[in-house]
Amino acid sequence: MSSKNSYKKHSYTPNRKLLAAGLLAFAATLATSVTATYAFYDLSSSATVSILNMYMDLSNEMLIGMKNPNGAIDYQEGIGSSYIASHSDAYYEGKPLDEVSGMYQSLWNNESFDPKTGFPSFRGSYQNVDGTEMPPLATDESYIQLEFFIKSSWDGYLYLGDGFSLSADHEKNLDTVNRLRSNGKLGVSVEDLDNVVNAARISFLSTESYIVLNPDPDEDTVFGGPLNIRGADQYYDFDANTGKELVYGEYLDGAQIVFDDDPLASDLDENPDVKKDSFHAIHKAGIRKYNVDKTKEANGNRLPFRHESAYSISDLTLKEGQNYNDPSLTKPLARLESGKDTRLVVTIYLEGWDKDMTNSIGYGAFNLDLEFEGLMDAIR
């Protein structure tokens, strides 16, 4: 991993027998205005995604396919973007993306969910809703979700391959910055645009498990807290009737939210010089502030919100010398059974609760190389 704007699994020579690997290459661009209000789930226009070289280049030991309009799976040794567009309405060149969240996963991923036919769902915007806990479901148009089927000639497990790479398209972002600055938008930097990769997520659903990949595992994403998303006043949102700040998110059972006993002085804002975005704002004078320390104390020294359950690249790729499936070393994406159709739903989205998901990454571009690797069961 060379930087927080480039995540790559480095190659090595394994001493195990592998199934064939496949590669999907994505290029994604966020086409948003960097002069819009500071907003969570409220970038001024949708992200756009174009897939430059999406393909699976496989040997006949492992085939990839998608369902055609008649419901049959068209298996191929390799598939391209035109194949995908002809087999799924979920992708077309220039498809927009909106910011969503994987919060409230338990509402769909539970005992009644059938991983053989079901699809993950995500939550949309808090904009234009009265509550602070559960936002409405995001529409299918808000993310890219593709249903693949893999047929293997061996029993085994599917992992991320050594060719996985998620990186900022630095050259394209630099060109974008120069173009924006020539049009008078001087506040944008290439460093900001490169940070788009840190908000990206890739999820994998199979009958084996549901897995979310977070490219920046050092960043703990919490589904909750105060936000600056309603209006362009640069203040944390508050309820004028109660005189308290609003605290959004997926609360844990029995959560207790604690505020300062007394409001801020009526003529004194707190943190007026903070760099404003959806997660950083001014505490408004005369309002009772959300007290993080007292809230932790009231909830067993932890924040009373659900945390994102996600894995790193290293968690999902085979370790050097690993020649059998060992859950203590790495986590497979799916179970492969000889001659059977293995369903794998891949979703690419932007996590709205990620602290990098602000307007500063507007117009940012990133590239994703998604490679799969199969490990055969040991022959007994």
Protein backbone atom coordinates (compact mmCIF):
# COMPACT_ATOMS: atom_id res chain seq x y z
CA MET A 1 0.00 0.00 0.00
CA SER A 2 1.86 3.04 -1.21
CA SER A 3 -0.39 5.76 0.23
CA LYS A 4 -3.89 6.44 1.48
CA ASN A 5 -4.79 7.38 -2.10
CA SER A 6 -3.56 4.07 -3.50
CA TYR A 7 -4.42 0.64 -2.17
CA LYS A 8 -2.84 -2.38 -3.82
CA LYS A 9 -2.22 -6.00 -2.90
CA HIS A 10 1.38 -6.74 -3.88
CA SER A 11 2.09 -9.91 -5.85
CA TYR A 12 4.12 -12.92 -4.77
CA THR A 13 4.76 -16.40 -6.08
CA PRO A 14 2.40 -18.78 -4.27
CA ASN A 15 3.24 -22.42 -3.53
CA ARG A 16 -0.32 -23.60 -4.00
CA LYS A 17 -2.50 -24.76 -6.86
CA LEU A 18 -4.85 -21.93 -7.86
CA LEU A 19 -7.87 -21.64 -10.06
CA ALA A 20 -7.80 -18.99 -12.74
CA ALA A 21 -8.14 -15.34 -11.80
CA GLY A 22 -10.20 -12.57 -13.31
CA LEU A 23 -9.95 -8.81 -13.47
CA LEU A 24 -12.55 -6.04 -13.47
CA ALA A 25 -11.24 -2.52 -14.03
CA PHE A 26 -13.35 0.50 -13.12
CA ALA A 27 -12.76 4.22 -13.47
CA ALA A 28 -15.08 6.38 -11.38
CA THR A 29 -15.51 10.14 -11.39
CA LEU A 30 -17.46 12.28 -8.96
CA ALA A 31 -18.91 15.12 -11.01
CA THR A 32 -19.94 17.51 -8.26
CA SER A 33 -19.66 21.20 -7.58
CA VAL A 34 -16.94 22.14 -5.12
CA THR A 35 -18.75 25.39 -4.35
CA ALA A 36 -21.93 23.76 -3.01
CA THR A 37 -23.01 23.78 0.63
CA TYR A 38 -21.17 21.58 3.09
CA ALA A 39 -23.39 18.54 3.06
CA PHE A 40 -23.55 14.89 3.94
CA TYR A 41 -25.49 13.00 1.24
CA ASP A 42 -25.92 16.35 -0.50
CA LEU A 43 -23.28 16.81 -3.14
CA SER A 44 -24.71 19.20 -5.67
CA SER A 45 -24.95 16.65 -8.49
CA SER A 46 -24.57 12.92 -8.77
CA ALA A 47 -21.29 11.09 -9.18
CA THR A 48 -20.72 9.57 -12.59
CA VAL A 49 -18.99 6.29 -13.26
CA SER A 50 -17.50 5.04 -16.51
CA ILE A 51 -16.02 1.57 -16.74
CA LEU A 52 -13.04 1.67 -19.03
CA ASN A 53 -11.93 -1.95 -19.24
CA MET A 54 -14.32 -4.14 -17.33
CA TYR A 55 -13.56 -7.75 -18.08
CA MET A 56 -12.99 -11.17 -16.59
CA ASP A 57 -10.14 -12.94 -18.36
CA LEU A 58 -10.39 -16.53 -17.19
CA SER A 59 -9.21 -19.95 -18.25
CA ASN A 60 -11.75 -22.73 -18.74
CA GLU A 61 -11.23 -23.84 -15.13
CA MET A 62 -13.45 -20.99 -13.93
CA LEU A 63 -16.06 -19.16 -16.00
CA ILE A 64 -17.89 -15.90 -15.31
CA GLY A 65 -21.35 -14.95 -16.50
CA MET A 66 -24.54 -12.97 -15.97
CA LYS A 67 -28.19 -13.78 -16.60
CA ASN A 68 -29.64 -12.88 -19.98
CA PRO A 69 -33.22 -11.56 -20.39
CA ASN A 70 -34.48 -15.15 -20.56
CA GLY A 71 -32.94 -15.97 -17.18
CA ALA A 72 -30.19 -18.24 -18.51
CA ILE A 73 -26.57 -17.58 -17.54
CA ASP A 74 -24.29 -16.72 -20.45
CA TYR A 75 -20.94 -18.04 -19.27
CA GLN A 76 -17.78 -16.71 -20.87
CA GLU A 77 -14.06 -17.03 -20.37
CA GLY A 78 -13.94 -13.25 -20.45
CA ILE A 79 -16.58 -10.50 -20.36
CA GLY A 80 -16.39 -6.81 -21.22
CA SER A 81 -18.34 -3.68 -20.45
CA SER A 82 -20.61 -4.11 -23.48
CA TYR A 83 -21.49 -7.62 -22.26
CA ILE A 84 -22.34 -6.25 -18.80
CA ALA A 85 -24.45 -3.41 -20.18
CA SER A 86 -26.37 -5.87 -22.34
CA HIS A 87 -27.05 -8.14 -19.37
CA SER A 88 -27.82 -5.61 -16.64
CA ASP A 89 -29.65 -2.28 -16.37
CA ALA A 90 -27.45 -1.46 -13.35
CA TYR A 91 -24.60 -0.24 -15.53
CA TYR A 92 -24.28 2.05 -18.49
CA GLU A 93 -21.54 4.46 -19.44
CA GLY A 94 -21.80 7.63 -17.39
CA LYS A 95 -24.15 6.10 -14.82
CA PRO A 96 -24.53 8.48 -11.84
CA LEU A 97 -23.79 7.55 -8.24
CA ASP A 98 -25.27 9.15 -5.15
CA GLU A 99 -23.80 8.99 -1.66
CA VAL A 100 -25.43 6.21 0.39
CA SER A 101 -24.73 4.31 3.59
CA GLY A 102 -24.50 0.68 4.67
CA MET A 103 -26.15 1.53 8.01
CA TYR A 104 -29.17 -0.48 9.25
CA GLN A 105 -27.79 -3.60 7.56
CA SER A 106 -29.69 -5.81 10.02
CA LEU A 107 -33.00 -4.71 8.48
CA TRP A 108 -32.24 -6.74 5.35
CA ASN A 109 -29.39 -9.07 6.33
CA ASN A 110 -31.28 -11.25 8.77
CA GLU A 111 -32.85 -14.71 9.09
CA SER A 112 -35.58 -13.94 6.54
CA PHE A 113 -33.10 -12.86 3.86
CA ASP A 114 -32.31 -15.37 1.11
CA PRO A 115 -28.72 -14.86 -0.16
CA LYS A 116 -29.49 -17.09 -3.15
CA THR A 117 -31.84 -14.49 -4.63
CA GLY A 118 -31.66 -11.32 -2.50
CA PHE A 119 -29.67 -8.13 -2.92
CA PRO A 120 -28.09 -5.78 -0.36
CA SER A 121 -29.87 -2.49 0.24
CA PHE A 122 -28.55 0.87 1.38
CA ARG A 123 -29.83 3.99 3.08
CA GLY A 124 -30.16 7.31 1.33
CA SER A 125 -30.23 10.95 2.37
CA TYR A 126 -31.36 12.62 5.58
CA GLN A 127 -32.32 15.57 3.44
CA ASN A 128 -36.01 16.49 3.55
CA VAL A 129 -36.85 13.97 6.29
CA ASP A 130 -38.00 14.83 9.81
CA GLY A 131 -36.15 12.13 11.76
CA THR A 132 -32.53 11.79 12.78
CA GLU A 133 -32.22 8.01 13.01
CA MET A 134 -33.24 6.01 9.92
CA PRO A 135 -33.09 7.72 6.52
CA PRO A 136 -35.16 6.25 3.66
CA LEU A 137 -33.90 3.47 1.42
CA ALA A 138 -31.59 4.61 -1.35
CA THR A 139 -32.76 3.92 -4.87
CA ASP A 140 -31.05 1.27 -6.97
CA GLU A 141 -29.77 4.07 -9.20
CA SER A 142 -27.60 5.36 -6.34
CA TYR A 143 -24.92 2.69 -6.67
CA ILE A 144 -23.59 0.04 -9.05
CA GLN A 145 -24.82 -3.45 -8.18
CA LEU A 146 -23.98 -6.38 -10.45
CA GLU A 147 -25.02 -10.02 -10.14
CA PHE A 148 -22.34 -12.41 -11.38
CA PHE A 149 -22.22 -16.19 -11.51
CA ILE A 150 -19.01 -18.20 -11.39
CA LYS A 151 -18.69 -21.81 -12.47
CA SER A 152 -15.61 -23.71 -11.35
CA SER A 153 -14.32 -27.11 -12.34
CA TRP A 154 -13.11 -27.65 -8.77
CA ASP A 155 -14.40 -27.34 -5.22
CA GLY A 156 -12.78 -24.48 -3.37
CA TYR A 157 -13.04 -20.86 -2.23
CA LEU A 158 -13.01 -17.48 -3.96
CA TYR A 159 -10.80 -14.62 -2.73
CA LEU A 160 -9.57 -11.27 -3.91
CA GLY A 161 -6.60 -11.71 -6.23
CA ASP A 162 -3.14 -10.21 -6.09
CA GLY A 163 -4.06 -7.77 -8.86
CA PHE A 164 -6.54 -5.86 -6.69
CA SER A 165 -5.88 -2.13 -6.79
CA LEU A 166 -7.90 0.91 -5.75
CA SER A 167 -6.19 4.19 -6.48
CA ALA A 168 -6.90 7.84 -7.15
CA ASP A 169 -6.61 8.82 -10.79
CA HIS A 170 -4.08 11.49 -9.88
CA GLU A 171 -3.39 12.68 -13.41
CA LYS A 172 -7.06 13.11 -14.19
CA ASN A 173 -7.66 14.84 -10.85
CA LEU A 174 -4.76 17.21 -11.53
CA ASP A 175 -6.21 18.08 -14.94
CA THR A 176 -9.58 18.69 -13.27
CA VAL A 177 -8.04 21.03 -10.69
CA ASN A 178 -6.30 23.04 -13.40
CA ARG A 179 -9.55 23.30 -15.37
CA LEU A 180 -11.55 24.39 -12.31
CA ARG A 181 -8.96 26.98 -11.32
CA SER A 182 -9.00 28.44 -14.82
CA ASN A 183 -12.75 28.93 -14.29
CA GLY A 184 -12.20 30.79 -11.03
CA LYS A 185 -12.70 27.91 -8.54
CA LEU A 186 -9.48 28.39 -6.61
CA GLY A 187 -10.35 26.47 -3.44
CA VAL A 188 -10.00 22.97 -4.90
CA SER A 189 -6.79 20.92 -4.59
CA VAL A 190 -5.67 17.67 -6.17
CA GLU A 191 -5.04 16.28 -2.68
CA ASP A 192 -8.73 16.76 -1.89
CA LEU A 193 -9.85 15.05 -5.09
CA ASP A 194 -7.48 12.13 -4.55
CA ASN A 195 -9.19 11.46 -1.20
CA VAL A 196 -12.24 10.12 -3.04
CA VAL A 197 -10.79 6.60 -2.83
CA ASN A 198 -11.04 6.66 0.96
CA ALA A 199 -14.84 6.97 0.83
CA ALA A 200 -15.28 4.15 -1.71
CA ARG A 201 -16.60 0.75 -0.64
CA ILE A 202 -16.96 -2.59 -2.45
CA SER A 203 -19.31 -5.21 -1.02
CA PHE A 204 -19.60 -8.90 -1.89
CA LEU A 205 -22.69 -11.04 -1.25
CA SER A 206 -22.68 -14.82 -1.59
CA THR A 207 -24.34 -17.71 0.23
CA GLU A 208 -21.10 -17.85 2.26
CA SER A 209 -21.25 -14.30 3.67
CA TYR A 210 -21.80 -10.59 3.17
CA ILE A 211 -18.51 -8.68 3.15
CA VAL A 212 -17.76 -4.96 2.90
CA LEU A 213 -14.27 -3.90 1.85
CA ASN A 214 -13.03 -0.61 3.31
CA PRO A 215 -9.78 0.40 1.61
CA ASP A 216 -8.73 2.45 4.65
CA PRO A 217 -9.05 0.01 7.58
CA ASP A 218 -7.37 2.46 9.98
CA GLU A 219 -10.42 4.70 9.72
CA ASP A 220 -13.25 3.50 11.99
CA THR A 221 -16.52 4.55 10.38
CA VAL A 222 -19.22 5.29 12.95
CA PHE A 223 -22.85 5.45 11.82
CA GLY A 224 -23.77 8.37 14.05
CA GLY A 225 -23.04 11.84 15.36
CA PRO A 226 -23.90 15.52 14.87
CA LEU A 227 -23.93 16.79 11.29
CA ASN A 228 -24.12 20.00 9.32
CA ILE A 229 -26.46 19.00 6.49
CA ARG A 230 -29.57 21.19 6.66
CA GLY A 231 -29.13 24.65 5.27
CA ALA A 232 -25.95 26.51 4.42
CA ASP A 233 -25.46 28.20 7.80
CA GLN A 234 -22.22 26.37 8.72
CA TYR A 235 -23.69 25.33 12.10
CA TYR A 236 -24.28 21.84 13.42
CA ASP A 237 -27.98 21.14 12.92
CA PHE A 238 -30.17 21.86 15.93
CA ASP A 239 -33.79 21.80 17.03
CA ALA A 240 -34.94 25.34 17.84
CA ASN A 241 -37.85 23.95 19.91
CA THR A 242 -35.73 21.86 22.28
CA GLY A 243 -32.65 24.07 22.10
CA LYS A 244 -30.43 21.01 21.49
CA GLU A 245 -28.19 19.90 18.66
CA LEU A 246 -29.50 17.11 16.46
CA VAL A 247 -27.66 13.79 16.68
CA TYR A 248 -28.10 11.53 13.65
CA GLY A 249 -27.39 7.87 13.13
CA GLU A 250 -28.10 4.23 13.87
CA TYR A 251 -28.42 4.09 17.65
CA LEU A 252 -27.53 0.98 19.59
CA ASP A 253 -30.25 -0.51 21.81
CA GLY A 254 -30.59 1.54 25.00
CA ALA A 255 -28.50 4.40 23.63
CA GLN A 256 -28.33 7.51 25.78
CA ILE A 257 -27.49 10.84 24.16
CA VAL A 258 -26.17 13.44 26.62
CA PHE A 259 -26.02 17.20 26.06
CA ASP A 260 -24.32 19.98 27.98
CA ASP A 261 -26.34 21.02 31.02
CA ASP A 262 -26.32 24.64 29.94
CA PRO A 263 -26.55 26.18 26.47
CA LEU A 264 -23.67 28.12 24.98
CA ALA A 265 -23.78 31.84 25.75
CA SER A 266 -26.33 33.52 23.53
CA ASP A 267 -23.74 35.80 21.97
CA LEU A 268 -20.84 33.34 21.53
CA ASP A 269 -20.44 30.64 18.87
CA GLU A 270 -17.97 27.83 19.54
CA ASN A 271 -15.29 26.86 16.98
CA PRO A 272 -16.13 29.66 14.52
CA ASP A 273 -12.84 29.16 12.67
CA VAL A 274 -13.16 25.40 12.09
CA LYS A 275 -12.94 24.21 8.47
CA LYS A 276 -16.61 23.59 7.74
CA ASP A 277 -17.98 20.46 6.11
CA SER A 278 -20.73 18.00 6.95
CA PHE A 279 -18.78 16.57 9.91
CA HIS A 280 -17.12 19.75 11.17
CA ALA A 281 -19.15 22.86 11.92
CA ILE A 282 -19.81 25.65 14.41
CA HIS A 283 -21.68 25.02 17.66
CA LYS A 284 -24.38 27.68 17.65
CA ALA A 285 -24.67 30.18 20.46
CA GLY A 286 -27.65 29.59 22.77
CA ILE A 287 -27.92 25.86 21.91
CA ARG A 288 -27.14 22.89 24.18
CA LYS A 289 -24.20 21.08 22.63
CA TYR A 290 -23.93 17.30 22.17
CA ASN A 291 -21.41 16.17 24.82
CA VAL A 292 -19.25 13.35 23.45
CA ASP A 293 -17.44 12.54 26.70
CA LYS A 294 -20.57 12.36 28.84
CA THR A 295 -22.36 10.35 26.15
CA LYS A 296 -19.55 7.78 26.18
CA GLU A 297 -19.64 7.65 29.97
CA ALA A 298 -23.40 7.02 29.94
CA ASN A 299 -22.99 4.18 27.42
CA GLY A 300 -20.23 2.09 28.97
CA ASN A 301 -17.34 4.20 27.62
CA ARG A 302 -18.35 3.78 24.00
CA LEU A 303 -20.27 5.77 21.44
CA PRO A 304 -23.90 4.58 21.28
CA PHE A 305 -23.94 4.09 17.52
CA ARG A 306 -23.47 1.13 15.22
CA HIS A 307 -20.00 0.91 13.68
CA GLU A 308 -19.34 -0.17 10.11
CA SER A 309 -18.38 -3.84 9.90
CA ALA A 310 -15.77 -3.95 7.16
CA TYR A 311 -12.65 -5.82 6.10
CA SER A 312 -9.32 -4.68 4.72
CA ILE A 313 -7.73 -5.78 1.45
CA SER A 314 -5.34 -7.97 3.43
CA ASP A 315 -8.26 -9.72 5.18
CA LEU A 316 -9.72 -10.85 1.85
CA THR A 317 -6.61 -11.97 -0.04
CA LEU A 318 -4.67 -15.18 0.35
CA LYS A 319 -1.55 -15.00 2.47
CA GLU A 320 1.85 -16.08 1.17
CA GLY A 321 2.19 -19.83 1.53
CA GLN A 322 -1.51 -20.34 2.34
CA ASN A 323 -2.55 -23.52 0.54
CA TYR A 324 -5.88 -24.28 2.23
CA ASN A 325 -8.81 -22.25 3.49
CA ASP A 326 -8.07 -20.99 7.00
CA PRO A 327 -10.63 -18.50 8.38
CA SER A 328 -8.10 -17.35 10.97
CA LEU A 329 -5.81 -16.11 8.18
CA THR A 330 -8.17 -14.71 5.58
CA LYS A 331 -11.85 -14.54 4.66
CA PRO A 332 -13.18 -16.02 1.40
CA LEU A 333 -15.77 -14.16 -0.65
CA ALA A 334 -17.64 -17.29 -1.72
CA ARG A 335 -17.66 -21.08 -1.66
CA LEU A 336 -17.07 -22.74 -5.04
CA GLU A 337 -18.59 -26.14 -5.85
CA SER A 338 -17.56 -28.07 -8.93
CA GLY A 339 -19.96 -27.59 -11.82
CA LYS A 340 -22.41 -25.44 -9.83
CA ASP A 341 -23.41 -21.80 -10.30
CA THR A 342 -21.87 -19.65 -7.55
CA ARG A 343 -23.72 -16.37 -7.17
CA LEU A 344 -21.71 -13.25 -6.27
CA VAL A 345 -23.32 -9.80 -6.03
CA VAL A 346 -20.76 -6.99 -6.24
CA THR A 347 -21.79 -3.48 -5.16
CA ILE A 348 -19.68 -0.35 -5.59
CA TYR A 349 -20.79 2.63 -3.53
CA LEU A 350 -19.66 5.68 -1.58
CA GLU A 351 -20.12 5.50 2.21
CA GLY A 352 -21.77 8.70 3.40
CA TRP A 353 -20.60 8.34 7.01
CA ASP A 354 -16.97 8.13 5.94
CA LYS A 355 -15.25 11.31 7.11
CA ASP A 356 -13.83 11.83 3.60
CA MET A 357 -17.34 12.00 2.13
CA THR A 358 -17.56 15.79 1.88
CA ASN A 359 -17.78 18.27 -0.96
CA SER A 360 -14.01 18.66 -0.99
CA ILE A 361 -13.77 15.43 -3.02
CA GLY A 362 -16.20 16.70 -5.64
CA TYR A 363 -15.02 15.89 -9.19
CA GLY A 364 -12.56 13.32 -7.76
CA ALA A 365 -11.73 10.28 -9.91
CA PHE A 366 -10.49 6.83 -8.94
CA ASN A 367 -9.61 3.54 -10.59
CA LEU A 368 -10.53 0.07 -9.34
CA ASP A 369 -8.94 -3.16 -10.51
CA LEU A 370 -10.93 -6.00 -8.98
CA GLU A 371 -9.30 -9.38 -9.37
CA PHE A 372 -10.57 -12.75 -8.10
CA GLU A 373 -8.52 -15.78 -7.20
CA GLY A 374 -9.72 -19.32 -6.49
CA LEU A 375 -8.13 -21.80 -4.08
CA MET A 376 -8.96 -25.47 -4.62
CA ASP A 377 -9.77 -27.77 -1.74
CA ALA A 378 -6.96 -30.08 -0.75
CA ILE A 379 -7.20 -33.49 -2.40
CA ARG A 380 -7.54 -36.13 0.30
